[in-house]
Protein backbone atom coordinates (compact mmCIF):
# COMPACT_ATOMS: atom_id res chain seq x y z
CA UNK A 1 78.39 93.17 80.03
CA UNK A 2 79.06 89.47 79.61
CA UNK A 3 78.09 89.70 75.93
CA UNK A 4 80.18 92.82 75.40
CA UNK A 5 83.24 91.17 76.96
CA UNK A 6 82.70 88.01 74.90
CA UNK A 7 82.25 89.89 71.61
CA UNK A 8 85.12 92.33 72.14
CA UNK A 9 87.65 90.69 74.47
CA UNK A 10 90.48 93.09 73.60
CA UNK A 11 88.53 96.34 73.81
CA UNK A 12 90.51 98.96 75.76
CA UNK A 13 87.44 100.02 77.74
CA UNK A 14 86.74 96.52 79.08
CA UNK A 15 88.01 97.51 82.52
CA UNK A 16 84.78 99.49 83.00
CA UNK A 17 82.64 96.59 81.78
CA UNK A 18 84.46 94.19 84.12
CA UNK A 19 83.88 96.52 87.05
CA UNK A 20 80.18 97.01 86.27
CA UNK A 21 79.72 93.26 85.75
CA UNK A 22 81.39 92.58 89.10
CA UNK A 23 79.08 95.11 90.77
CA UNK A 24 76.05 93.46 89.22
CA UNK A 25 77.23 90.05 90.40
CA UNK A 26 77.89 91.44 93.88
CA UNK A 27 74.46 93.07 94.12
CA UNK A 28 72.71 89.85 93.10
CA UNK A 29 74.61 87.68 95.58
CA UNK A 30 76.86 86.02 93.02
CA UNK A 31 79.95 86.75 95.09
CA UNK A 32 82.29 84.16 93.58
CA UNK A 33 81.65 85.54 90.09
CA UNK A 34 82.10 89.10 91.35
CA UNK A 35 85.42 88.20 92.96
CA UNK A 36 86.57 86.50 89.75
CA UNK A 37 85.77 89.61 87.69
CA UNK A 38 87.40 91.98 90.18
CA UNK A 39 90.49 89.78 90.23
CA UNK A 40 90.51 89.76 86.43
CA UNK A 41 90.20 93.55 86.37
CA UNK A 42 93.12 93.97 88.80
CA UNK A 43 95.31 91.54 86.82
CA UNK A 44 94.54 92.79 83.31
CA UNK A 45 94.07 96.51 84.04
CA UNK A 46 96.21 97.40 87.09
CA UNK A 47 96.18 101.12 86.17
CA UNK A 48 92.43 101.30 85.62
CA UNK A 49 90.42 104.00 87.36
CA UNK A 50 88.53 101.07 88.90
CA UNK A 51 91.60 99.17 90.14
CA UNK A 52 91.69 100.68 93.65
CA UNK A 53 87.95 100.17 94.14
CA UNK A 54 88.30 96.58 92.90
CA UNK A 55 91.12 96.00 95.39
CA UNK A 56 88.97 97.43 98.19
CA UNK A 57 86.07 95.11 97.34
CA UNK A 58 88.46 92.15 97.18
CA UNK A 59 89.74 93.17 100.61
CA UNK A 60 86.20 93.22 101.98
CA UNK A 61 85.61 89.76 100.57
CA UNK A 62 88.87 88.52 102.11
CA UNK A 63 87.77 89.82 105.52
CA UNK A 64 84.39 88.12 105.12
CA UNK A 65 86.15 84.83 104.39
CA UNK A 66 88.64 85.47 107.23
CA UNK A 67 91.62 85.53 104.84
CA UNK A 68 93.32 88.42 106.59
CA UNK A 69 96.63 88.08 104.75
CA UNK A 70 94.79 88.57 101.46
CA UNK A 71 92.83 91.42 103.03
CA UNK A 72 96.07 93.21 103.96
CA UNK A 73 97.38 92.87 100.41
CA UNK A 74 94.12 94.07 98.89
CA UNK A 75 93.67 97.05 101.21
CA UNK A 76 97.28 98.11 100.62
CA UNK A 77 96.59 98.13 96.87
CA UNK A 78 93.36 100.06 97.43
CA UNK A 79 95.30 102.78 99.25
CA UNK A 80 97.29 103.52 96.09
CA UNK A 81 94.28 104.89 94.20
CA UNK A 82 93.59 108.55 93.53
CA UNK A 83 90.49 108.80 95.77
CA UNK A 84 91.54 110.05 99.24
CA UNK A 85 88.31 108.86 100.88
CA UNK A 86 88.77 105.35 99.47
CA UNK A 87 92.42 105.36 100.58
CA UNK A 88 91.37 106.35 104.11
CA UNK A 89 88.69 103.66 104.21
CA UNK A 90 91.22 101.12 102.95
CA UNK A 91 93.67 102.22 105.65
CA UNK A 92 91.00 101.79 108.32
CA UNK A 93 90.16 98.30 107.07
CA UNK A 94 93.88 97.55 106.83
CA UNK A 95 94.20 98.37 110.52
CA UNK A 96 91.48 95.86 111.40
CA UNK A 97 93.01 93.21 109.13
CA UNK A 98 96.37 93.65 110.90
CA UNK A 99 94.61 93.50 114.25
CA UNK A 100 93.04 90.16 113.28
CA UNK A 101 96.51 88.92 112.32
CA UNK A 102 97.76 90.05 115.75
CA UNK A 103 100.16 92.47 114.06
CA UNK A 104 99.53 95.20 116.60
CA UNK A 105 102.21 97.71 115.61
CA UNK A 106 101.12 97.58 111.95
CA UNK A 107 97.49 97.96 113.07
CA UNK A 108 98.37 101.03 115.12
CA UNK A 109 100.43 102.48 112.26
CA UNK A 110 97.52 101.98 109.85
CA UNK A 111 95.02 103.67 112.17
CA UNK A 112 97.39 106.58 112.93
CA UNK A 113 98.08 107.07 109.20
CA UNK A 114 94.33 107.30 108.56
CA UNK A 115 93.92 109.78 111.39
CA UNK A 116 96.83 111.89 110.11
CA UNK A 117 95.44 111.90 106.55
CA UNK A 118 91.96 112.82 107.77
CA UNK A 119 93.26 115.70 109.85
CA UNK A 120 95.50 116.96 107.02
CA UNK A 121 92.55 116.84 104.62
CA UNK A 122 90.31 118.77 107.04
CA UNK A 123 92.96 121.39 107.87
CA UNK A 124 94.13 123.39 104.86
CA UNK A 125 97.37 124.39 106.63
CA UNK A 126 98.33 120.80 107.50
CA UNK A 127 97.71 118.62 110.54
CA UNK A 128 98.01 121.50 112.95
CA UNK A 129 96.40 124.04 110.65
CA UNK A 130 99.78 125.72 110.34
CA UNK A 131 99.73 126.69 114.03
CA UNK A 132 102.50 124.50 115.38
CA UNK A 133 102.60 121.40 117.55
CA UNK A 134 100.40 122.86 120.30
CA UNK A 135 97.42 123.28 117.94
CA UNK A 136 94.09 121.94 119.13
CA UNK A 137 92.35 119.02 117.53
CA UNK A 138 88.58 119.20 117.24
CA UNK A 139 85.99 117.05 115.52
CA UNK A 140 84.22 120.32 114.70
CA UNK A 141 86.70 120.86 111.86
CA UNK A 142 85.16 117.87 110.01
CA UNK A 143 81.92 117.41 108.16
CA UNK A 144 79.48 115.20 110.07
CA UNK A 145 80.27 111.99 108.09
CA UNK A 146 84.01 112.65 108.36
CA UNK A 147 83.70 113.33 112.10
CA UNK A 148 81.96 109.98 112.55
CA UNK A 149 84.74 108.26 110.57
CA UNK A 150 87.50 109.98 112.56
CA UNK A 151 85.71 109.04 115.79
CA UNK A 152 85.70 105.39 114.66
CA UNK A 153 89.43 105.55 113.95
CA UNK A 154 90.07 107.04 117.40
CA UNK A 155 87.92 104.31 119.01
CA UNK A 156 89.89 101.66 117.13
CA UNK A 157 93.16 103.13 118.41
CA UNK A 158 91.81 103.25 121.96
CA UNK A 159 90.61 99.63 121.75
CA UNK A 160 93.99 98.62 120.38
CA UNK A 161 95.73 100.42 123.24
CA UNK A 162 93.54 98.73 125.85
CA UNK A 163 94.09 95.36 124.24
CA UNK A 164 97.86 95.86 124.10
CA UNK A 165 97.91 96.94 127.76
CA UNK A 166 95.96 93.83 128.78
CA UNK A 167 98.30 91.69 126.70
CA UNK A 168 101.35 93.26 128.35
CA UNK A 169 99.83 92.70 131.80
CA UNK A 170 99.16 89.06 130.90
CA UNK A 171 102.75 88.63 129.68
CA UNK A 172 103.98 90.07 132.99
CA UNK A 173 101.96 87.44 134.88
CA UNK A 174 103.31 84.55 132.80
């Protein structure tokens, strides 16, 4: 991939080579080089089929380096891709990035958006399956991997709620 990019720097298909090179770097522990290639891909080919995935990987790297502002930006970009599963994963990670920034309302909004999207995707008639606001929610409507993911989102919302309640109680004491 390095040779291909060096020999043909203006080739229209280089976005794919950049992505594959970044993956190879990532898999071999050459994280800085992977991040550089993913960043290059996002800058030079913002409409690439790989752009959302690149943004997601950059967000993961930002979380690992505790750069949560960069993580928020990257996960927001990752949500704009055409893959609903990637967008939901990016939304989930966005919620945690906001939580680490102590932006609790944005964290809650991110988690609720993911939950809404997951339920809409699992229910052909919409969030309530077309049955109105009193419709029942059940993890049984999801595949096993999706049910695990939705459970994790619900746990994150519950943890956020507990944390916010404890924070409010602390504020009342002070």
